[in-house]
PDB file of all heavy atoms in Angstrom:
ATOM      1  N   ILE A   1      21.910   5.176  14.259  1.00  0.00           N
ATOM      2  CA  ILE A   1      21.276   4.041  13.590  1.00  0.00           C
ATOM      3  C   ILE A   1      20.202   4.582  12.651  1.00  0.00           C
ATOM      4  O   ILE A   1      19.308   5.317  13.080  1.00  0.00           O
ATOM      5  CB  ILE A   1      20.621   3.087  14.614  1.00  0.00           C
ATOM      6  CG1 ILE A   1      21.658   2.595  15.611  1.00  0.00           C
ATOM      7  CG2 ILE A   1      19.941   1.930  13.923  1.00  0.00           C
ATOM      8  CD1 ILE A   1      21.057   1.942  16.824  1.00  0.00           C
ATOM      9  N   THR A   2      20.290   4.239  11.369  1.00  0.00           N
ATOM     10  CA  THR A   2      19.268   4.604  10.395  1.00  0.00           C
ATOM     11  C   THR A   2      18.554   3.327   9.968  1.00  0.00           C
ATOM     12  O   THR A   2      19.197   2.364   9.554  1.00  0.00           O
ATOM     13  CB  THR A   2      19.892   5.304   9.168  1.00  0.00           C
ATOM     14  OG1 THR A   2      20.597   6.464   9.621  1.00  0.00           O
ATOM     15  CG2 THR A   2      18.816   5.722   8.189  1.00  0.00           C
ATOM     16  N   THR A   3      17.224   3.341  10.079  1.00  0.00           N
ATOM     17  CA  THR A   3      16.441   2.139   9.787  1.00  0.00           C
ATOM     18  C   THR A   3      15.933   2.155   8.351  1.00  0.00           C
ATOM     19  O   THR A   3      15.615   3.215   7.804  1.00  0.00           O
ATOM     20  CB  THR A   3      15.230   2.054  10.735  1.00  0.00           C
ATOM     21  OG1 THR A   3      14.427   3.219  10.557  1.00  0.00           O
ATOM     22  CG2 THR A   3      15.666   1.962  12.173  1.00  0.00           C
ATOM     23  N   HIS A   4      15.887   0.980   7.741  1.00  0.00           N
ATOM     24  CA  HIS A   4      15.332   0.810   6.397  1.00  0.00           C
ATOM     25  C   HIS A   4      14.619  -0.537   6.329  1.00  0.00           C
ATOM     26  O   HIS A   4      15.172  -1.540   6.779  1.00  0.00           O
ATOM     27  CB  HIS A   4      16.424   0.840   5.322  1.00  0.00           C
ATOM     28  CG  HIS A   4      17.074   2.172   5.171  1.00  0.00           C
ATOM     29  ND1 HIS A   4      16.458   3.232   4.542  1.00  0.00           N
ATOM     30  CD2 HIS A   4      18.280   2.627   5.576  1.00  0.00           C
ATOM     31  CE1 HIS A   4      17.265   4.269   4.571  1.00  0.00           C
ATOM     32  NE2 HIS A   4      18.374   3.934   5.189  1.00  0.00           N
ATOM     33  N   LEU A   5      13.442  -0.542   5.746  1.00  0.00           N
ATOM     34  CA  LEU A   5      12.749  -1.797   5.484  1.00  0.00           C
ATOM     35  C   LEU A   5      13.234  -2.311   4.132  1.00  0.00           C
ATOM     36  O   LEU A   5      13.232  -1.573   3.144  1.00  0.00           O
ATOM     37  CB  LEU A   5      11.234  -1.590   5.416  1.00  0.00           C
ATOM     38  CG  LEU A   5      10.506  -1.466   6.744  1.00  0.00           C
ATOM     39  CD1 LEU A   5       9.039  -1.160   6.508  1.00  0.00           C
ATOM     40  CD2 LEU A   5      10.654  -2.722   7.561  1.00  0.00           C
ATOM     41  N   VAL A   6      13.639  -3.552   4.090  1.00  0.00           N
ATOM     42  CA  VAL A   6      14.078  -4.167   2.846  1.00  0.00           C
ATOM     43  C   VAL A   6      12.994  -5.142   2.436  1.00  0.00           C
ATOM     44  O   VAL A   6      12.636  -6.044   3.187  1.00  0.00           O
ATOM     45  CB  VAL A   6      15.429  -4.903   3.034  1.00  0.00           C
ATOM     46  CG1 VAL A   6      15.859  -5.554   1.740  1.00  0.00           C
ATOM     47  CG2 VAL A   6      16.485  -3.933   3.545  1.00  0.00           C
ATOM     48  N   ARG A   7      12.464  -4.959   1.216  1.00  0.00           N
ATOM     49  CA  ARG A   7      11.340  -5.779   0.758  1.00  0.00           C
ATOM     50  C   ARG A   7      11.765  -6.618  -0.437  1.00  0.00           C
ATOM     51  O   ARG A   7      12.590  -6.206  -1.242  1.00  0.00           O
ATOM     52  CB  ARG A   7      10.177  -4.887   0.355  1.00  0.00           C
ATOM     53  CG  ARG A   7       9.639  -4.071   1.508  1.00  0.00           C
ATOM     54  CD  ARG A   7       8.563  -3.115   1.004  1.00  0.00           C
ATOM     55  NE  ARG A   7       8.115  -2.257   2.060  1.00  0.00           N
ATOM     56  CZ  ARG A   7       8.636  -1.065   2.345  1.00  0.00           C
ATOM     57  NH1 ARG A   7       9.640  -0.601   1.672  1.00  0.00           N
ATOM     58  NH2 ARG A   7       8.155  -0.353   3.333  1.00  0.00           N
ATOM     59  N   ASP A   8      11.129  -7.773  -0.564  1.00  0.00           N
ATOM     60  CA  ASP A   8      11.305  -8.590  -1.760  1.00  0.00           C
ATOM     61  C   ASP A   8      10.487  -7.961  -2.879  1.00  0.00           C
ATOM     62  O   ASP A   8       9.464  -7.314  -2.638  1.00  0.00           O
ATOM     63  CB  ASP A   8      10.814 -10.022  -1.515  1.00  0.00           C
ATOM     64  CG  ASP A   8      11.676 -10.755  -0.505  1.00  0.00           C
ATOM     65  OD1 ASP A   8      12.856 -10.392  -0.389  1.00  0.00           O
ATOM     66  OD2 ASP A   8      11.162 -11.669   0.158  1.00  0.00           O
ATOM     67  N   GLU A   9      10.897  -8.168  -4.136  1.00  0.00           N
ATOM     68  CA  GLU A   9      10.132  -7.647  -5.267  1.00  0.00           C
ATOM     69  C   GLU A   9       8.762  -8.314  -5.304  1.00  0.00           C
ATOM     70  O   GLU A   9       8.628  -9.516  -5.104  1.00  0.00           O
ATOM     71  CB  GLU A   9      10.868  -7.925  -6.576  1.00  0.00           C
ATOM     72  CG  GLU A   9      11.996  -6.958  -6.825  1.00  0.00           C
ATOM     73  CD  GLU A   9      12.555  -7.110  -8.225  1.00  0.00           C
ATOM     74  OE1 GLU A   9      11.777  -7.361  -9.166  1.00  0.00           O
ATOM     75  OE2 GLU A   9      13.776  -6.989  -8.358  1.00  0.00           O
ATOM     76  N   GLY A  10       7.740  -7.532  -5.557  1.00  0.00           N
ATOM     77  CA  GLY A  10       6.387  -8.067  -5.667  1.00  0.00           C
ATOM     78  C   GLY A  10       5.734  -8.354  -4.326  1.00  0.00           C
ATOM     79  O   GLY A  10       4.627  -8.865  -4.281  1.00  0.00           O
ATOM     80  N   GLU A  11       6.404  -8.061  -3.235  1.00  0.00           N
ATOM     81  CA  GLU A  11       5.840  -8.326  -1.916  1.00  0.00           C
ATOM     82  C   GLU A  11       4.696  -7.349  -1.657  1.00  0.00           C
ATOM     83  O   GLU A  11       4.813  -6.155  -1.880  1.00  0.00           O
ATOM     84  CB  GLU A  11       6.925  -8.148  -0.849  1.00  0.00           C
ATOM     85  CG  GLU A  11       6.433  -8.288   0.559  1.00  0.00           C
ATOM     86  CD  GLU A  11       7.525  -7.979   1.580  1.00  0.00           C
ATOM     87  OE1 GLU A  11       8.655  -7.671   1.193  1.00  0.00           O
ATOM     88  OE2 GLU A  11       7.207  -8.056   2.768  1.00  0.00           O
ATOM     89  N   VAL A  12       3.582  -7.882  -1.211  1.00  0.00           N
ATOM     90  CA  VAL A  12       2.428  -7.053  -0.882  1.00  0.00           C
ATOM     91  C   VAL A  12       2.437  -6.851   0.626  1.00  0.00           C
ATOM     92  O   VAL A  12       2.492  -7.809   1.394  1.00  0.00           O
ATOM     93  CB  VAL A  12       1.106  -7.724  -1.334  1.00  0.00           C
ATOM     94  CG1 VAL A  12      -0.088  -6.871  -0.925  1.00  0.00           C
ATOM     95  CG2 VAL A  12       1.130  -7.946  -2.830  1.00  0.00           C
ATOM     96  N   ARG A  13       2.388  -5.605   1.026  1.00  0.00           N
ATOM     97  CA  ARG A  13       2.395  -5.281   2.453  1.00  0.00           C
ATOM     98  C   ARG A  13       0.993  -4.895   2.872  1.00  0.00           C
ATOM     99  O   ARG A  13       0.278  -4.231   2.115  1.00  0.00           O
ATOM    100  CB  ARG A  13       3.364  -4.135   2.718  1.00  0.00           C
ATOM    101  CG  ARG A  13       4.772  -4.457   2.245  1.00  0.00           C
ATOM    102  CD  ARG A  13       5.592  -3.221   2.260  1.00  0.00           C
ATOM    103  NE  ARG A  13       4.932  -2.211   1.429  1.00  0.00           N
ATOM    104  CZ  ARG A  13       5.577  -1.348   0.665  1.00  0.00           C
ATOM    105  NH1 ARG A  13       6.865  -1.347   0.623  1.00  0.00           N
ATOM    106  NH2 ARG A  13       4.921  -0.450  -0.037  1.00  0.00           N
ATOM    107  N   SER A  14       0.614  -5.246   4.057  1.00  0.00           N
ATOM    108  CA  SER A  14      -0.750  -4.971   4.526  1.00  0.00           C
ATOM    109  C   SER A  14      -1.010  -3.475   4.598  1.00  0.00           C
ATOM    110  O   SER A  14      -2.131  -3.035   4.371  1.00  0.00           O
ATOM    111  CB  SER A  14      -0.980  -5.621   5.894  1.00  0.00           C
ATOM    112  OG  SER A  14      -0.088  -5.082   6.839  1.00  0.00           O
ATOM    113  N   TRP A  15      -0.012  -2.654   4.870  1.00  0.00           N
ATOM    114  CA  TRP A  15      -0.235  -1.229   4.983  1.00  0.00           C
ATOM    115  C   TRP A  15      -0.294  -0.546   3.609  1.00  0.00           C
ATOM    116  O   TRP A  15      -0.648   0.608   3.501  1.00  0.00           O
ATOM    117  CB  TRP A  15       0.803  -0.561   5.877  1.00  0.00           C
ATOM    118  CG  TRP A  15       2.215  -0.731   5.432  1.00  0.00           C
ATOM    119  CD1 TRP A  15       2.917   0.049   4.571  1.00  0.00           C
ATOM    120  CD2 TRP A  15       3.114  -1.758   5.822  1.00  0.00           C
ATOM    121  NE1 TRP A  15       4.180  -0.419   4.396  1.00  0.00           N
ATOM    122  CE2 TRP A  15       4.344  -1.541   5.164  1.00  0.00           C
ATOM    123  CE3 TRP A  15       3.011  -2.858   6.667  1.00  0.00           C
ATOM    124  CZ2 TRP A  15       5.441  -2.368   5.321  1.00  0.00           C
ATOM    125  CZ3 TRP A  15       4.115  -3.671   6.826  1.00  0.00           C
ATOM    126  CH2 TRP A  15       5.311  -3.422   6.154  1.00  0.00           C
ATOM    127  N   ASP A  16       0.066  -1.275   2.529  1.00  0.00           N
ATOM    128  CA  ASP A  16      -0.046  -0.725   1.185  1.00  0.00           C
ATOM    129  C   ASP A  16      -1.415  -0.993   0.563  1.00  0.00           C
ATOM    130  O   ASP A  16      -1.753  -0.426  -0.469  1.00  0.00           O
ATOM    131  CB  ASP A  16       1.027  -1.325   0.267  1.00  0.00           C
ATOM    132  CG  ASP A  16       2.412  -0.765   0.562  1.00  0.00           C
ATOM    133  OD1 ASP A  16       2.494   0.304   1.197  1.00  0.00           O
ATOM    134  OD2 ASP A  16       3.395  -1.405   0.159  1.00  0.00           O
ATOM    135  N   LEU A  17      -2.215  -1.887   1.136  1.00  0.00           N
ATOM    136  CA  LEU A  17      -3.523  -2.217   0.584  1.00  0.00           C
ATOM    137  C   LEU A  17      -4.480  -1.057   0.825  1.00  0.00           C
ATOM    138  O   LEU A  17      -4.433  -0.404   1.874  1.00  0.00           O
ATOM    139  CB  LEU A  17      -4.070  -3.493   1.235  1.00  0.00           C
ATOM    140  CG  LEU A  17      -3.274  -4.769   0.953  1.00  0.00           C
ATOM    141  CD1 LEU A  17      -3.865  -5.922   1.744  1.00  0.00           C
ATOM    142  CD2 LEU A  17      -3.276  -5.090  -0.537  1.00  0.00           C
ATOM    143  N   PRO A  18      -5.361  -0.788  -0.107  1.00  0.00           N
ATOM    144  CA  PRO A  18      -6.304   0.319   0.077  1.00  0.00           C
ATOM    145  C   PRO A  18      -7.302  -0.002   1.182  1.00  0.00           C
ATOM    146  O   PRO A  18      -7.674  -1.150   1.383  1.00  0.00           O
ATOM    147  CB  PRO A  18      -6.992   0.453  -1.279  1.00  0.00           C
ATOM    148  CG  PRO A  18      -6.736  -0.835  -1.979  1.00  0.00           C
ATOM    149  CD  PRO A  18      -5.497  -1.428  -1.393  1.00  0.00           C
ATOM    150  N   THR A  19      -7.700   1.041   1.876  1.00  0.00           N
ATOM    151  CA  THR A  19      -8.717   0.870   2.916  1.00  0.00           C
ATOM    152  C   THR A  19     -10.076   0.704   2.257  1.00  0.00           C
ATOM    153  O   THR A  19     -10.232   0.910   1.049  1.00  0.00           O
ATOM    154  CB  THR A  19      -8.742   2.098   3.847  1.00  0.00           C
ATOM    155  OG1 THR A  19      -9.151   3.232   3.068  1.00  0.00           O
ATOM    156  CG2 THR A  19      -7.395   2.350   4.477  1.00  0.00           C
ATOM    157  N   GLY A  20     -11.099   0.359   3.043  1.00  0.00           N
ATOM    158  CA  GLY A  20     -12.444   0.187   2.512  1.00  0.00           C
ATOM    159  C   GLY A  20     -12.946   1.445   1.836  1.00  0.00           C
ATOM    160  O   GLY A  20     -13.588   1.405   0.786  1.00  0.00           O
ATOM    161  N   LEU A  21     -12.677   2.616   2.396  1.00  0.00           N
ATOM    162  CA  LEU A  21     -13.109   3.873   1.814  1.00  0.00           C
ATOM    163  C   LEU A  21     -12.412   4.108   0.475  1.00  0.00           C
ATOM    164  O   LEU A  21     -13.042   4.525  -0.493  1.00  0.00           O
ATOM    165  CB  LEU A  21     -12.822   5.025   2.781  1.00  0.00           C
ATOM    166  CG  LEU A  21     -13.222   6.417   2.295  1.00  0.00           C
ATOM    167  CD1 LEU A  21     -14.743   6.481   2.077  1.00  0.00           C
ATOM    168  CD2 LEU A  21     -12.785   7.470   3.290  1.00  0.00           C
ATOM    169  N   GLN A  22     -11.129   3.805   0.408  1.00  0.00           N
ATOM    170  CA  GLN A  22     -10.388   3.998  -0.837  1.00  0.00           C
ATOM    171  C   GLN A  22     -10.883   3.031  -1.917  1.00  0.00           C
ATOM    172  O   GLN A  22     -10.896   3.360  -3.095  1.00  0.00           O
ATOM    173  CB  GLN A  22      -8.894   3.795  -0.612  1.00  0.00           C
ATOM    174  CG  GLN A  22      -8.260   4.888   0.222  1.00  0.00           C
ATOM    175  CD  GLN A  22      -6.836   4.525   0.613  1.00  0.00           C
ATOM    176  OE1 GLN A  22      -6.494   3.354   0.720  1.00  0.00           O
ATOM    177  NE2 GLN A  22      -6.018   5.541   0.835  1.00  0.00           N
ATOM    178  N   GLN A  23     -11.310   1.837  -1.555  1.00  0.00           N
ATOM    179  CA  GLN A  23     -11.787   0.869  -2.529  1.00  0.00           C
ATOM    180  C   GLN A  23     -13.116   1.299  -3.143  1.00  0.00           C
ATOM    181  O   GLN A  23     -13.393   1.034  -4.308  1.00  0.00           O
ATOM    182  CB  GLN A  23     -11.938  -0.513  -1.874  1.00  0.00           C
ATOM    183  CG  GLN A  23     -10.634  -1.166  -1.538  1.00  0.00           C
ATOM    184  CD  GLN A  23     -10.838  -2.457  -0.750  1.00  0.00           C
ATOM    185  OE1 GLN A  23     -11.942  -2.808  -0.357  1.00  0.00           O
ATOM    186  NE2 GLN A  23      -9.746  -3.161  -0.508  1.00  0.00           N
ATOM    187  N   ARG A  24     -13.979   1.967  -2.371  1.00  0.00           N
ATOM    188  CA  ARG A  24     -15.307   2.372  -2.860  1.00  0.00           C
ATOM    189  C   ARG A  24     -15.258   3.650  -3.683  1.00  0.00           C
ATOM    190  O   ARG A  24     -16.112   3.899  -4.501  1.00  0.00           O
ATOM    191  CB  ARG A  24     -16.248   2.569  -1.680  1.00  0.00           C
ATOM    192  CG  ARG A  24     -16.724   1.255  -1.085  1.00  0.00           C
ATOM    193  CD  ARG A  24     -17.771   1.550  -0.068  1.00  0.00           C
ATOM    194  NE  ARG A  24     -17.166   2.466   0.912  1.00  0.00           N
ATOM    195  CZ  ARG A  24     -17.182   2.270   2.216  1.00  0.00           C
ATOM    196  NH1 ARG A  24     -17.795   1.252   2.717  1.00  0.00           N
ATOM    197  NH2 ARG A  24     -16.609   3.109   3.028  1.00  0.00           N
ATOM    198  N   TYR A  25     -14.266   4.490  -3.442  1.00  0.00           N
ATOM    199  CA  TYR A  25     -14.223   5.779  -4.127  1.00  0.00           C
ATOM    200  C   TYR A  25     -13.749   5.597  -5.562  1.00  0.00           C
ATOM    201  O   TYR A  25     -12.710   5.001  -5.825  1.00  0.00           O
ATOM    202  CB  TYR A  25     -13.300   6.747  -3.375  1.00  0.00           C
ATOM    203  CG  TYR A  25     -13.233   8.107  -4.037  1.00  0.00           C
ATOM    204  CD1 TYR A  25     -14.309   8.988  -3.933  1.00  0.00           C
ATOM    205  CD2 TYR A  25     -12.137   8.468  -4.792  1.00  0.00           C
ATOM    206  CE1 TYR A  25     -14.262  10.222  -4.546  1.00  0.00           C
ATOM    207  CE2 TYR A  25     -12.094   9.700  -5.408  1.00  0.00           C
ATOM    208  CZ  TYR A  25     -13.158  10.575  -5.281  1.00  0.00           C
ATOM    209  OH  TYR A  25     -13.117  11.789  -5.893  1.00  0.00           O
ATOM    210  N   VAL A  26     -14.500   6.114  -6.491  1.00  0.00           N
ATOM    211  CA  VAL A  26     -14.136   6.051  -7.904  1.00  0.00           C
ATOM    212  C   VAL A  26     -14.095   7.478  -8.425  1.00  0.00           C
ATOM    213  O   VAL A  26     -15.050   8.226  -8.288  1.00  0.00           O
ATOM    214  CB  VAL A  26     -15.169   5.220  -8.713  1.00  0.00           C
ATOM    215  CG1 VAL A  26     -14.816   5.218 -10.185  1.00  0.00           C
ATOM    216  CG2 VAL A  26     -15.244   3.823  -8.161  1.00  0.00           C
ATOM    217  N   SER A  27     -12.975   7.819  -8.991  1.00  0.00           N
ATOM    218  CA  SER A  27     -12.802   9.157  -9.537  1.00  0.00           C
ATOM    219  C   SER A  27     -13.352   9.197 -10.955  1.00  0.00           C
ATOM    220  O   SER A  27     -13.246   8.211 -11.697  1.00  0.00           O
ATOM    221  CB  SER A  27     -11.310   9.505  -9.537  1.00  0.00           C
ATOM    222  OG  SER A  27     -11.075  10.636 -10.338  1.00  0.00           O
ATOM    223  N   PRO A  28     -13.898  10.313 -11.380  1.00  0.00           N
ATOM    224  CA  PRO A  28     -14.351  10.426 -12.770  1.00  0.00           C
ATOM    225  C   PRO A  28     -13.205  10.238 -13.759  1.00  0.00           C
ATOM    226  O   PRO A  28     -13.414   9.834 -14.894  1.00  0.00           O
ATOM    227  CB  PRO A  28     -14.914  11.847 -12.867  1.00  0.00           C
ATOM    228  CG  PRO A  28     -15.140  12.287 -11.476  1.00  0.00           C
ATOM    229  CD  PRO A  28     -14.239  11.484 -10.605  1.00  0.00           C
ATOM    230  N   LEU A  29     -11.994  10.498 -13.357  1.00  0.00           N
ATOM    231  CA  LEU A  29     -10.851  10.352 -14.250  1.00  0.00           C
ATOM    232  C   LEU A  29     -10.395   8.905 -14.379  1.00  0.00           C
ATOM    233  O   LEU A  29      -9.606   8.585 -15.250  1.00  0.00           O
ATOM    234  CB  LEU A  29      -9.685  11.221 -13.764  1.00  0.00           C
ATOM    235  CG  LEU A  29      -9.944  12.727 -13.754  1.00  0.00           C
ATOM    236  CD1 LEU A  29      -8.748  13.463 -13.183  1.00  0.00           C
ATOM    237  CD2 LEU A  29     -10.242  13.226 -15.162  1.00  0.00           C
TER     238      LEU A  29
END
C-alpha cells in the first residue's frame, strides 16, 4: 500500500502555514 494525500487546488493546510518563528524572521534578501 502506497499512501498519497490528494489536495484540492488552493487548499491551505495547517502544516503548510509558517510557525511564529518563521513569521518574525525577515531575511535581508
